[in-house]
Amino acid sequence: MARKAQDRFTLLYVRQPGEYAAGHVPVAKLIPIAELDKRLDEIDTAKPTLIYCAIGGRSRVTAQMLAGRGRADASGTAWPFDG
């Protein structure tokens, strides 16, 4: 039986709450980049983290931040999503 995507990885959305409310991938977890340090414990370390935002800048910065904290399995990308 195939596992669901959310069982294989964490999809992290790093934009602001208003942007999240305007549209996001349904299984995405919202942690704005400015809150990342305070909320690291909310990211499951047992599976890879895929990070997305609208253009890619915030997701790349977040991936670098996570890598600096020992999360080399995190990758950021631009993933346009219109909700």
Protein backbone atom coordinates (compact mmCIF):
# COMPACT_ATOMS: atom_id res chain seq x y z
CA MET A 1 0.00 0.00 0.00
CA ALA A 2 1.39 3.40 -0.98
CA ARG A 3 2.16 5.81 1.81
CA LYS A 4 0.65 9.27 1.75
CA ALA A 5 2.99 12.15 0.93
CA GLN A 6 2.66 13.66 4.40
CA ASP A 7 3.91 10.36 5.86
CA ARG A 8 7.09 10.51 3.74
CA PHE A 9 8.07 14.16 4.28
CA THR A 10 7.09 17.40 5.97
CA LEU A 11 5.91 20.14 3.61
CA LEU A 12 6.76 23.47 5.21
CA TYR A 13 5.24 26.76 4.06
CA VAL A 14 7.36 29.73 5.18
CA ARG A 15 5.26 32.69 4.11
CA GLN A 16 2.99 34.81 6.31
CA PRO A 17 -0.40 33.73 7.76
CA GLY A 18 -2.33 35.96 5.35
CA GLU A 19 -0.53 34.43 2.40
CA TYR A 20 -1.23 30.96 3.81
CA ALA A 21 -4.93 31.83 4.17
CA ALA A 22 -5.02 33.00 0.54
CA GLY A 23 -3.96 29.55 -0.65
CA HIS A 24 -1.61 26.71 0.20
CA VAL A 25 -1.06 23.02 -0.39
CA PRO A 26 -3.53 21.34 1.99
CA VAL A 27 -0.93 19.24 3.88
CA ALA A 28 1.50 22.13 4.31
CA LYS A 29 2.54 23.26 7.77
CA LEU A 30 2.79 27.02 8.24
CA ILE A 31 5.84 28.34 10.04
CA PRO A 32 6.71 31.86 8.89
CA ILE A 33 10.46 32.27 8.43
CA ALA A 34 10.59 34.90 11.21
CA GLU A 35 9.24 32.29 13.68
CA LEU A 36 11.46 29.41 12.61
CA ASP A 37 13.96 29.54 15.48
CA LYS A 38 11.17 29.52 18.08
CA ARG A 39 9.29 26.68 16.40
CA LEU A 40 12.00 24.24 15.30
CA ASP A 41 10.56 21.58 17.60
CA GLU A 42 7.41 21.50 15.44
CA ILE A 43 9.33 20.08 12.47
CA ASP A 44 9.52 16.29 12.45
CA THR A 45 13.19 15.28 12.38
CA ALA A 46 12.33 11.69 11.41
CA LYS A 47 11.56 12.61 7.81
CA PRO A 48 12.87 15.04 5.18
CA THR A 49 11.52 18.58 5.05
CA LEU A 50 10.45 20.20 1.77
CA ILE A 51 10.11 23.96 2.06
CA TYR A 52 8.17 26.18 -0.28
CA CYS A 53 7.14 29.78 -0.83
CA ALA A 54 6.00 31.74 -3.87
CA ILE A 55 9.28 32.74 -5.51
CA GLY A 56 11.89 30.65 -3.72
CA GLY A 57 13.82 33.22 -1.70
CA ARG A 58 12.32 32.45 1.69
CA SER A 59 12.41 28.71 1.11
CA ARG A 60 16.12 28.81 0.21
CA VAL A 61 16.93 30.91 3.28
CA THR A 62 14.90 28.53 5.46
CA ALA A 63 16.71 25.50 4.01
CA GLN A 64 20.05 27.17 4.79
CA MET A 65 18.89 27.96 8.33
CA LEU A 66 17.79 24.37 8.91
CA ALA A 67 21.03 23.01 7.43
CA GLY A 68 22.94 25.22 9.85
CA ARG A 69 21.01 23.57 12.67
CA GLY A 70 21.85 20.06 11.53
CA ARG A 71 18.94 19.45 9.15
CA ALA A 72 20.80 18.68 5.93
CA ASP A 73 17.69 16.84 4.67
CA ALA A 74 15.77 20.12 4.24
CA SER A 75 15.42 21.53 0.74
CA GLY A 76 13.80 24.75 -0.39
CA THR A 77 12.22 25.54 -3.70
CA ALA A 78 10.04 28.00 -5.56
CA TRP A 79 6.73 26.27 -5.97
CA PRO A 80 4.07 28.59 -7.35
CA PHE A 81 0.70 27.68 -5.90
CA ASP A 82 -2.51 29.58 -6.59
CA GLY A 83 -4.60 27.79 -3.93
